[in-house]
Full PDB file with SEQRES, HELIX, SHEET, SSBOND, CRYST1, ORIGX, SCALE, CONECT and MASTER records, all heavy atoms in Angstrom:
SEQRES   1 A   34  GLU GLU ASP THR GLY MET TYR PHE CYS ALA GLY SER LEU          
SEQRES   2 A   34  SER GLY THR TRP TYR GLN CYS LEU PRO PRO ARG GLU ARG          
SEQRES   3 A   34  THR TYR ASN ILE TRP GLY GLN GLY                              
HELIX    1 AA1 TRP A   17  CYS A   20  1                                   4    
HELIX    2 AA2 GLU A   25  THR A   27  5                                   3    
SHEET    1 AA1 2 ALA A  10  GLY A  11  0                                        
SHEET    2 AA1 2 ILE A  30  TRP A  31 -1                                        
CRYST1    1.000    1.000    1.000  90.00  90.00  90.00 P 1           1          
ORIGX1      1.000000  0.000000  0.000000        0.00000                         
ORIGX2      0.000000  1.000000  0.000000        0.00000                         
ORIGX3      0.000000  0.000000  1.000000        0.00000                         
SCALE1      1.000000  0.000000  0.000000        0.00000                         
SCALE2      0.000000  1.000000  0.000000        0.00000                         
SCALE3      0.000000  0.000000  1.000000        0.00000                         
ATOM      1  N   GLU A   1     -15.245  14.090  -7.341  1.00  0.00           N  
ATOM      2  CA  GLU A   1     -15.270  14.584  -5.967  1.00  0.00           C  
ATOM      3  C   GLU A   1     -14.991  13.459  -4.971  1.00  0.00           C  
ATOM      4  O   GLU A   1     -14.336  13.687  -3.945  1.00  0.00           O  
ATOM      5  CB  GLU A   1     -16.611  15.239  -5.647  1.00  0.00           C  
ATOM      6  CG  GLU A   1     -16.796  16.598  -6.311  1.00  0.00           C  
ATOM      7  CD  GLU A   1     -18.074  17.273  -5.884  1.00  0.00           C  
ATOM      8  OE1 GLU A   1     -19.094  16.569  -5.725  1.00  0.00           O  
ATOM      9  OE2 GLU A   1     -18.063  18.507  -5.709  1.00  0.00           O  
ATOM     10  N   GLU A   2     -15.476  12.273  -5.253  1.00  0.00           N  
ATOM     11  CA  GLU A   2     -15.282  11.155  -4.344  1.00  0.00           C  
ATOM     12  C   GLU A   2     -13.843  10.644  -4.296  1.00  0.00           C  
ATOM     13  O   GLU A   2     -13.521   9.764  -3.492  1.00  0.00           O  
ATOM     14  CB  GLU A   2     -16.238   9.997  -4.678  1.00  0.00           C  
ATOM     15  CG  GLU A   2     -16.213   9.580  -6.135  1.00  0.00           C  
ATOM     16  CD  GLU A   2     -17.347  10.205  -6.937  1.00  0.00           C  
ATOM     17  OE1 GLU A   2     -17.583  11.418  -6.785  1.00  0.00           O  
ATOM     18  OE2 GLU A   2     -17.998   9.479  -7.711  1.00  0.00           O  
ATOM     19  N   ASP A   3     -12.979  11.179  -5.145  1.00  0.00           N  
ATOM     20  CA  ASP A   3     -11.562  10.834  -5.096  1.00  0.00           C  
ATOM     21  C   ASP A   3     -10.829  11.635  -4.027  1.00  0.00           C  
ATOM     22  O   ASP A   3      -9.658  11.365  -3.750  1.00  0.00           O  
ATOM     23  CB  ASP A   3     -10.900  11.079  -6.456  1.00  0.00           C  
ATOM     24  CG  ASP A   3     -11.412  10.148  -7.536  1.00  0.00           C  
ATOM     25  OD1 ASP A   3     -11.629   8.950  -7.244  1.00  0.00           O  
ATOM     26  OD2 ASP A   3     -11.586  10.614  -8.682  1.00  0.00           O  
ATOM     27  N   THR A   4     -11.494  12.613  -3.452  1.00  0.00           N  
ATOM     28  CA  THR A   4     -10.891  13.446  -2.416  1.00  0.00           C  
ATOM     29  C   THR A   4     -10.470  12.607  -1.210  1.00  0.00           C  
ATOM     30  O   THR A   4     -11.204  11.739  -0.758  1.00  0.00           O  
ATOM     31  CB  THR A   4     -11.869  14.530  -1.958  1.00  0.00           C  
ATOM     32  OG1 THR A   4     -12.096  15.450  -3.030  1.00  0.00           O  
ATOM     33  CG2 THR A   4     -11.319  15.312  -0.766  1.00  0.00           C  
ATOM     34  N   GLY A   5      -9.283  12.877  -0.696  1.00  0.00           N  
ATOM     35  CA  GLY A   5      -8.811  12.171   0.476  1.00  0.00           C  
ATOM     36  C   GLY A   5      -7.314  12.292   0.640  1.00  0.00           C  
ATOM     37  O   GLY A   5      -6.626  12.927  -0.160  1.00  0.00           O  
ATOM     38  N   MET A   6      -6.830  11.681   1.690  1.00  0.00           N  
ATOM     39  CA  MET A   6      -5.396  11.616   1.926  1.00  0.00           C  
ATOM     40  C   MET A   6      -4.871  10.361   1.243  1.00  0.00           C  
ATOM     41  O   MET A   6      -5.373   9.257   1.486  1.00  0.00           O  
ATOM     42  CB  MET A   6      -5.098  11.585   3.419  1.00  0.00           C  
ATOM     43  CG  MET A   6      -3.616  11.628   3.760  1.00  0.00           C  
ATOM     44  SD  MET A   6      -2.850  13.237   3.414  1.00  0.00           S  
ATOM     45  CE  MET A   6      -3.579  14.220   4.733  1.00  0.00           C  
ATOM     46  N   TYR A   7      -3.891  10.537   0.404  1.00  0.00           N  
ATOM     47  CA  TYR A   7      -3.316   9.420  -0.335  1.00  0.00           C  
ATOM     48  C   TYR A   7      -1.985   9.013   0.278  1.00  0.00           C  
ATOM     49  O   TYR A   7      -1.096   9.843   0.468  1.00  0.00           O  
ATOM     50  CB  TYR A   7      -3.135   9.794  -1.806  1.00  0.00           C  
ATOM     51  CG  TYR A   7      -4.425   9.752  -2.583  1.00  0.00           C  
ATOM     52  CD1 TYR A   7      -5.431  10.682  -2.340  1.00  0.00           C  
ATOM     53  CD2 TYR A   7      -4.651   8.776  -3.550  1.00  0.00           C  
ATOM     54  CE1 TYR A   7      -6.631  10.638  -3.031  1.00  0.00           C  
ATOM     55  CE2 TYR A   7      -5.840   8.723  -4.253  1.00  0.00           C  
ATOM     56  CZ  TYR A   7      -6.825   9.658  -3.988  1.00  0.00           C  
ATOM     57  OH  TYR A   7      -8.014   9.613  -4.687  1.00  0.00           O  
ATOM     58  N   PHE A   8      -1.872   7.738   0.574  1.00  0.00           N  
ATOM     59  CA  PHE A   8      -0.683   7.197   1.207  1.00  0.00           C  
ATOM     60  C   PHE A   8       0.048   6.241   0.283  1.00  0.00           C  
ATOM     61  O   PHE A   8      -0.566   5.375  -0.339  1.00  0.00           O  
ATOM     62  CB  PHE A   8      -1.046   6.435   2.492  1.00  0.00           C  
ATOM     63  CG  PHE A   8      -1.691   7.277   3.545  1.00  0.00           C  
ATOM     64  CD1 PHE A   8      -3.065   7.412   3.604  1.00  0.00           C  
ATOM     65  CD2 PHE A   8      -0.914   7.927   4.494  1.00  0.00           C  
ATOM     66  CE1 PHE A   8      -3.670   8.184   4.582  1.00  0.00           C  
ATOM     67  CE2 PHE A   8      -1.504   8.703   5.477  1.00  0.00           C  
ATOM     68  CZ  PHE A   8      -2.880   8.831   5.524  1.00  0.00           C  
ATOM     69  N   CYS A   9       1.328   6.393   0.211  1.00  0.00           N  
ATOM     70  CA  CYS A   9       2.180   5.451  -0.483  1.00  0.00           C  
ATOM     71  C   CYS A   9       2.615   4.385   0.510  1.00  0.00           C  
ATOM     72  O   CYS A   9       2.896   4.691   1.669  1.00  0.00           O  
ATOM     73  CB  CYS A   9       3.398   6.177  -1.060  1.00  0.00           C  
ATOM     74  SG  CYS A   9       4.578   5.103  -1.909  1.00  0.00           S  
ATOM     75  N   ALA A  10       2.659   3.146   0.071  1.00  0.00           N  
ATOM     76  CA  ALA A  10       3.068   2.057   0.941  1.00  0.00           C  
ATOM     77  C   ALA A  10       3.930   1.069   0.176  1.00  0.00           C  
ATOM     78  O   ALA A  10       3.772   0.894  -1.034  1.00  0.00           O  
ATOM     79  CB  ALA A  10       1.844   1.343   1.523  1.00  0.00           C  
ATOM     80  N   GLY A  11       4.824   0.417   0.897  1.00  0.00           N  
ATOM     81  CA  GLY A  11       5.697  -0.549   0.257  1.00  0.00           C  
ATOM     82  C   GLY A  11       6.064  -1.686   1.177  1.00  0.00           C  
ATOM     83  O   GLY A  11       5.860  -1.618   2.390  1.00  0.00           O  
ATOM     84  N   SER A  12       6.594  -2.730   0.589  1.00  0.00           N  
ATOM     85  CA  SER A  12       7.099  -3.865   1.334  1.00  0.00           C  
ATOM     86  C   SER A  12       8.585  -4.010   1.037  1.00  0.00           C  
ATOM     87  O   SER A  12       9.065  -3.588  -0.024  1.00  0.00           O  
ATOM     88  CB  SER A  12       6.359  -5.149   0.961  1.00  0.00           C  
ATOM     89  OG  SER A  12       6.638  -5.510  -0.391  1.00  0.00           O  
ATOM     90  N   LEU A  13       9.318  -4.597   1.962  1.00  0.00           N  
ATOM     91  CA  LEU A  13      10.746  -4.798   1.748  1.00  0.00           C  
ATOM     92  C   LEU A  13      11.002  -5.870   0.704  1.00  0.00           C  
ATOM     93  O   LEU A  13      12.014  -5.844   0.015  1.00  0.00           O  
ATOM     94  CB  LEU A  13      11.433  -5.163   3.069  1.00  0.00           C  
ATOM     95  CG  LEU A  13      11.475  -4.049   4.118  1.00  0.00           C  
ATOM     96  CD1 LEU A  13      12.103  -4.569   5.403  1.00  0.00           C  
ATOM     97  CD2 LEU A  13      12.252  -2.847   3.594  1.00  0.00           C  
ATOM     98  N   SER A  14      10.081  -6.818   0.591  1.00  0.00           N  
ATOM     99  CA  SER A  14      10.174  -7.862  -0.409  1.00  0.00           C  
ATOM    100  C   SER A  14       8.776  -8.400  -0.660  1.00  0.00           C  
ATOM    101  O   SER A  14       7.842  -8.093   0.077  1.00  0.00           O  
ATOM    102  CB  SER A  14      11.104  -8.987   0.041  1.00  0.00           C  
ATOM    103  OG  SER A  14      10.600  -9.616   1.205  1.00  0.00           O  
ATOM    104  N   GLY A  15       8.641  -9.218  -1.706  1.00  0.00           N  
ATOM    105  CA  GLY A  15       7.338  -9.784  -1.987  1.00  0.00           C  
ATOM    106  C   GLY A  15       7.288 -10.483  -3.321  1.00  0.00           C  
ATOM    107  O   GLY A  15       8.230 -10.432  -4.112  1.00  0.00           O  
ATOM    108  N   THR A  16       6.184 -11.152  -3.557  1.00  0.00           N  
ATOM    109  CA  THR A  16       5.912 -11.799  -4.827  1.00  0.00           C  
ATOM    110  C   THR A  16       4.602 -11.248  -5.352  1.00  0.00           C  
ATOM    111  O   THR A  16       3.824 -10.649  -4.610  1.00  0.00           O  
ATOM    112  CB  THR A  16       5.818 -13.320  -4.672  1.00  0.00           C  
ATOM    113  OG1 THR A  16       4.781 -13.638  -3.731  1.00  0.00           O  
ATOM    114  CG2 THR A  16       7.130 -13.895  -4.149  1.00  0.00           C  
ATOM    115  N   TRP A  17       4.340 -11.478  -6.615  1.00  0.00           N  
ATOM    116  CA  TRP A  17       3.159 -10.884  -7.219  1.00  0.00           C  
ATOM    117  C   TRP A  17       1.870 -11.284  -6.517  1.00  0.00           C  
ATOM    118  O   TRP A  17       0.949 -10.477  -6.379  1.00  0.00           O  
ATOM    119  CB  TRP A  17       3.082 -11.228  -8.719  1.00  0.00           C  
ATOM    120  CG  TRP A  17       2.814 -12.681  -9.005  1.00  0.00           C  
ATOM    121  CD1 TRP A  17       3.732 -13.655  -9.217  1.00  0.00           C  
ATOM    122  CD2 TRP A  17       1.525 -13.299  -9.110  1.00  0.00           C  
ATOM    123  NE1 TRP A  17       3.099 -14.858  -9.451  1.00  0.00           N  
ATOM    124  CE2 TRP A  17       1.754 -14.667  -9.394  1.00  0.00           C  
ATOM    125  CE3 TRP A  17       0.217 -12.832  -8.997  1.00  0.00           C  
ATOM    126  CZ2 TRP A  17       0.716 -15.580  -9.562  1.00  0.00           C  
ATOM    127  CZ3 TRP A  17      -0.831 -13.728  -9.167  1.00  0.00           C  
ATOM    128  CH2 TRP A  17      -0.570 -15.086  -9.447  1.00  0.00           C  
ATOM    129  N   TYR A  18       1.795 -12.541  -6.074  1.00  0.00           N  
ATOM    130  CA  TYR A  18       0.559 -12.992  -5.439  1.00  0.00           C  
ATOM    131  C   TYR A  18       0.407 -12.443  -4.020  1.00  0.00           C  
ATOM    132  O   TYR A  18      -0.686 -12.482  -3.460  1.00  0.00           O  
ATOM    133  CB  TYR A  18       0.463 -14.521  -5.445  1.00  0.00           C  
ATOM    134  CG  TYR A  18       1.621 -15.255  -4.810  1.00  0.00           C  
ATOM    135  CD1 TYR A  18       1.652 -15.497  -3.446  1.00  0.00           C  
ATOM    136  CD2 TYR A  18       2.679 -15.722  -5.595  1.00  0.00           C  
ATOM    137  CE1 TYR A  18       2.711 -16.178  -2.866  1.00  0.00           C  
ATOM    138  CE2 TYR A  18       3.742 -16.411  -5.026  1.00  0.00           C  
ATOM    139  CZ  TYR A  18       3.753 -16.634  -3.657  1.00  0.00           C  
ATOM    140  OH  TYR A  18       4.804 -17.321  -3.088  1.00  0.00           O  
ATOM    141  N   GLN A  19       1.492 -11.956  -3.438  1.00  0.00           N  
ATOM    142  CA  GLN A  19       1.412 -11.305  -2.140  1.00  0.00           C  
ATOM    143  C   GLN A  19       1.045  -9.827  -2.298  1.00  0.00           C  
ATOM    144  O   GLN A  19       0.442  -9.232  -1.402  1.00  0.00           O  
ATOM    145  CB  GLN A  19       2.737 -11.428  -1.384  1.00  0.00           C  
ATOM    146  CG  GLN A  19       3.079 -12.835  -0.961  1.00  0.00           C  
ATOM    147  CD  GLN A  19       4.461 -12.945  -0.349  1.00  0.00           C  
ATOM    148  OE1 GLN A  19       5.419 -12.361  -0.869  1.00  0.00           O  
ATOM    149  NE2 GLN A  19       4.578 -13.686   0.736  1.00  0.00           N  
ATOM    150  N   CYS A  20       1.417  -9.258  -3.426  1.00  0.00           N  
ATOM    151  CA  CYS A  20       1.163  -7.847  -3.682  1.00  0.00           C  
ATOM    152  C   CYS A  20      -0.262  -7.573  -4.137  1.00  0.00           C  
ATOM    153  O   CYS A  20      -0.822  -6.520  -3.818  1.00  0.00           O  
ATOM    154  CB  CYS A  20       2.103  -7.325  -4.762  1.00  0.00           C  
ATOM    155  SG  CYS A  20       3.859  -7.411  -4.382  1.00  0.00           S  
ATOM    156  N   LEU A  21      -0.803  -8.500  -4.902  1.00  0.00           N  
ATOM    157  CA  LEU A  21      -2.080  -8.282  -5.559  1.00  0.00           C  
ATOM    158  C   LEU A  21      -3.104  -9.349  -5.195  1.00  0.00           C  
ATOM    159  O   LEU A  21      -2.815 -10.535  -5.350  1.00  0.00           O  
ATOM    160  CB  LEU A  21      -1.880  -8.271  -7.078  1.00  0.00           C  
ATOM    161  CG  LEU A  21      -0.714  -7.434  -7.610  1.00  0.00           C  
ATOM    162  CD1 LEU A  21      -0.549  -7.640  -9.096  1.00  0.00           C  
ATOM    163  CD2 LEU A  21      -0.933  -5.963  -7.290  1.00  0.00           C  
ATOM    164  N   PRO A  22      -4.277  -8.953  -4.753  1.00  0.00           N  
ATOM    165  CA  PRO A  22      -4.683  -7.599  -4.410  1.00  0.00           C  
ATOM    166  C   PRO A  22      -3.987  -7.101  -3.141  1.00  0.00           C  
ATOM    167  O   PRO A  22      -3.553  -7.925  -2.328  1.00  0.00           O  
ATOM    168  CB  PRO A  22      -6.194  -7.710  -4.201  1.00  0.00           C  
ATOM    169  CG  PRO A  22      -6.377  -9.105  -3.706  1.00  0.00           C  
ATOM    170  CD  PRO A  22      -5.373  -9.918  -4.482  1.00  0.00           C  
ATOM    171  N   PRO A  23      -3.857  -5.817  -2.988  1.00  0.00           N  
ATOM    172  CA  PRO A  23      -3.099  -5.282  -1.845  1.00  0.00           C  
ATOM    173  C   PRO A  23      -3.822  -5.481  -0.517  1.00  0.00           C  
ATOM    174  O   PRO A  23      -5.023  -5.259  -0.400  1.00  0.00           O  
ATOM    175  CB  PRO A  23      -2.969  -3.798  -2.174  1.00  0.00           C  
ATOM    176  CG  PRO A  23      -4.147  -3.508  -3.055  1.00  0.00           C  
ATOM    177  CD  PRO A  23      -4.325  -4.745  -3.882  1.00  0.00           C  
ATOM    178  N   ARG A  24      -3.062  -5.917   0.474  1.00  0.00           N  
ATOM    179  CA  ARG A  24      -3.533  -6.040   1.843  1.00  0.00           C  
ATOM    180  C   ARG A  24      -2.601  -5.212   2.717  1.00  0.00           C  
ATOM    181  O   ARG A  24      -1.387  -5.226   2.527  1.00  0.00           O  
ATOM    182  CB  ARG A  24      -3.534  -7.488   2.312  1.00  0.00           C  
ATOM    183  CG  ARG A  24      -4.443  -8.415   1.521  1.00  0.00           C  
ATOM    184  CD  ARG A  24      -4.662  -9.715   2.274  1.00  0.00           C  
ATOM    185  NE  ARG A  24      -3.409 -10.345   2.646  1.00  0.00           N  
ATOM    186  CZ  ARG A  24      -3.291 -11.344   3.523  1.00  0.00           C  
ATOM    187  NH1 ARG A  24      -4.380 -11.810   4.121  1.00  0.00           N  
ATOM    188  NH2 ARG A  24      -2.104 -11.862   3.788  1.00  0.00           N  
ATOM    189  N   GLU A  25      -3.170  -4.496   3.668  1.00  0.00           N  
ATOM    190  CA  GLU A  25      -2.359  -3.614   4.505  1.00  0.00           C  
ATOM    191  C   GLU A  25      -1.238  -4.358   5.226  1.00  0.00           C  
ATOM    192  O   GLU A  25      -0.156  -3.805   5.418  1.00  0.00           O  
ATOM    193  CB  GLU A  25      -3.237  -2.872   5.514  1.00  0.00           C  
ATOM    194  CG  GLU A  25      -4.138  -1.822   4.865  1.00  0.00           C  
ATOM    195  CD  GLU A  25      -4.792  -0.918   5.880  1.00  0.00           C  
ATOM    196  OE1 GLU A  25      -4.313  -0.852   7.028  1.00  0.00           O  
ATOM    197  OE2 GLU A  25      -5.790  -0.265   5.524  1.00  0.00           O  
ATOM    198  N   ARG A  26      -1.496  -5.608   5.601  1.00  0.00           N  
ATOM    199  CA  ARG A  26      -0.484  -6.369   6.343  1.00  0.00           C  
ATOM    200  C   ARG A  26       0.747  -6.667   5.506  1.00  0.00           C  
ATOM    201  O   ARG A  26       1.809  -6.948   6.048  1.00  0.00           O  
ATOM    202  CB  ARG A  26      -1.085  -7.671   6.875  1.00  0.00           C  
ATOM    203  CG  ARG A  26      -2.039  -7.484   8.042  1.00  0.00           C  
ATOM    204  CD  ARG A  26      -2.403  -8.801   8.683  1.00  0.00           C  
ATOM    205  NE  ARG A  26      -3.161  -9.649   7.773  1.00  0.00           N  
ATOM    206  CZ  ARG A  26      -3.590 -10.873   8.072  1.00  0.00           C  
ATOM    207  NH1 ARG A  26      -3.336 -11.376   9.280  1.00  0.00           N  
ATOM    208  NH2 ARG A  26      -4.262 -11.581   7.189  1.00  0.00           N  
ATOM    209  N   THR A  27       0.604  -6.619   4.196  1.00  0.00           N  
ATOM    210  CA  THR A  27       1.731  -6.854   3.303  1.00  0.00           C  
ATOM    211  C   THR A  27       2.720  -5.690   3.346  1.00  0.00           C  
ATOM    212  O   THR A  27       3.916  -5.869   3.128  1.00  0.00           O  
ATOM    213  CB  THR A  27       1.242  -7.045   1.851  1.00  0.00           C  
ATOM    214  OG1 THR A  27       0.370  -8.179   1.795  1.00  0.00           O  
ATOM    215  CG2 THR A  27       2.410  -7.267   0.898  1.00  0.00           C  
ATOM    216  N   TYR A  28       2.210  -4.521   3.654  1.00  0.00           N  
ATOM    217  CA  TYR A  28       2.985  -3.300   3.552  1.00  0.00           C  
ATOM    218  C   TYR A  28       3.478  -2.830   4.918  1.00  0.00           C  
ATOM    219  O   TYR A  28       2.687  -2.517   5.807  1.00  0.00           O  
ATOM    220  CB  TYR A  28       2.147  -2.221   2.860  1.00  0.00           C  
ATOM    221  CG  TYR A  28       1.761  -2.661   1.465  1.00  0.00           C  
ATOM    222  CD1 TYR A  28       0.599  -3.394   1.243  1.00  0.00           C  
ATOM    223  CD2 TYR A  28       2.593  -2.394   0.389  1.00  0.00           C  
ATOM    224  CE1 TYR A  28       0.279  -3.843  -0.031  1.00  0.00           C  
ATOM    225  CE2 TYR A  28       2.272  -2.839  -0.887  1.00  0.00           C  
ATOM    226  CZ  TYR A  28       1.117  -3.565  -1.093  1.00  0.00           C  
ATOM    227  OH  TYR A  28       0.797  -4.014  -2.354  1.00  0.00           O  
ATOM    228  N   ASN A  29       4.780  -2.790   5.069  1.00  0.00           N  
ATOM    229  CA  ASN A  29       5.383  -2.415   6.342  1.00  0.00           C  
ATOM    230  C   ASN A  29       6.122  -1.086   6.310  1.00  0.00           C  
ATOM    231  O   ASN A  29       6.749  -0.689   7.293  1.00  0.00           O  
ATOM    232  CB  ASN A  29       6.325  -3.515   6.845  1.00  0.00           C  
ATOM    233  CG  ASN A  29       7.274  -4.016   5.776  1.00  0.00           C  
ATOM    234  OD1 ASN A  29       7.561  -3.321   4.796  1.00  0.00           O  
ATOM    235  ND2 ASN A  29       7.779  -5.230   5.952  1.00  0.00           N  
ATOM    236  N   ILE A  30       6.055  -0.406   5.180  1.00  0.00           N  
ATOM    237  CA  ILE A  30       6.643   0.918   5.053  1.00  0.00           C  
ATOM    238  C   ILE A  30       5.570   1.853   4.528  1.00  0.00           C  
ATOM    239  O   ILE A  30       4.975   1.588   3.482  1.00  0.00           O  
ATOM    240  CB  ILE A  30       7.847   0.935   4.089  1.00  0.00           C  
ATOM    241  CG1 ILE A  30       8.853  -0.156   4.468  1.00  0.00           C  
ATOM    242  CG2 ILE A  30       8.519   2.295   4.098  1.00  0.00           C  
ATOM    243  CD1 ILE A  30       9.960  -0.324   3.451  1.00  0.00           C  
ATOM    244  N   TRP A  31       5.344   2.928   5.240  1.00  0.00           N  
ATOM    245  CA  TRP A  31       4.273   3.856   4.875  1.00  0.00           C  
ATOM    246  C   TRP A  31       4.761   5.295   4.831  1.00  0.00           C  
ATOM    247  O   TRP A  31       5.552   5.726   5.673  1.00  0.00           O  
ATOM    248  CB  TRP A  31       3.120   3.771   5.873  1.00  0.00           C  
ATOM    249  CG  TRP A  31       2.349   2.494   5.785  1.00  0.00           C  
ATOM    250  CD1 TRP A  31       2.710   1.275   6.278  1.00  0.00           C  
ATOM    251  CD2 TRP A  31       1.075   2.315   5.152  1.00  0.00           C  
ATOM    252  NE1 TRP A  31       1.734   0.348   5.993  1.00  0.00           N  
ATOM    253  CE2 TRP A  31       0.724   0.957   5.306  1.00  0.00           C  
ATOM    254  CE3 TRP A  31       0.202   3.175   4.480  1.00  0.00           C  
ATOM    255  CZ2 TRP A  31      -0.474   0.432   4.806  1.00  0.00           C  
ATOM    256  CZ3 TRP A  31      -0.987   2.655   3.983  1.00  0.00           C  
ATOM    257  CH2 TRP A  31      -1.310   1.297   4.154  1.00  0.00           C  
ATOM    258  N   GLY A  32       4.277   6.025   3.847  1.00  0.00           N  
ATOM    259  CA  GLY A  32       4.549   7.445   3.785  1.00  0.00           C  
ATOM    260  C   GLY A  32       3.587   8.187   4.680  1.00  0.00           C  
ATOM    261  O   GLY A  32       2.645   7.611   5.226  1.00  0.00           O  
ATOM    262  N   GLN A  33       3.793   9.483   4.831  1.00  0.00           N  
ATOM    263  CA  GLN A  33       2.947  10.283   5.701  1.00  0.00           C  
ATOM    264  C   GLN A  33       1.692  10.801   5.005  1.00  0.00           C  
ATOM    265  O   GLN A  33       0.803  11.340   5.660  1.00  0.00           O  
ATOM    266  CB  GLN A  33       3.743  11.450   6.287  1.00  0.00           C  
ATOM    267  CG  GLN A  33       4.850  11.002   7.227  1.00  0.00           C  
ATOM    268  CD  GLN A  33       5.482  12.155   7.973  1.00  0.00           C  
ATOM    269  OE1 GLN A  33       4.852  13.190   8.199  1.00  0.00           O  
ATOM    270  NE2 GLN A  33       6.735  11.972   8.366  1.00  0.00           N  
ATOM    271  N   GLY A  34       1.620  10.639   3.703  1.00  0.00           N  
ATOM    272  CA  GLY A  34       0.430  11.007   2.967  1.00  0.00           C  
ATOM    273  C   GLY A  34       0.515  12.348   2.275  1.00  0.00           C  
ATOM    274  O   GLY A  34       1.272  13.237   2.672  1.00  0.00           O  
TER     275      GLY A  34                                                      
MASTER        0    0    0    2    2    0    0    6  274    1    0    3          
END                                                                             
């Protein structure tokens, strides 16, 4: 039940593994509507 929510896909135009993980919102500049 606690998994309930709006799920958003997000992406970056470029990046490296250490920038991607762990994910920070500032890394992601492209967002879906959910």
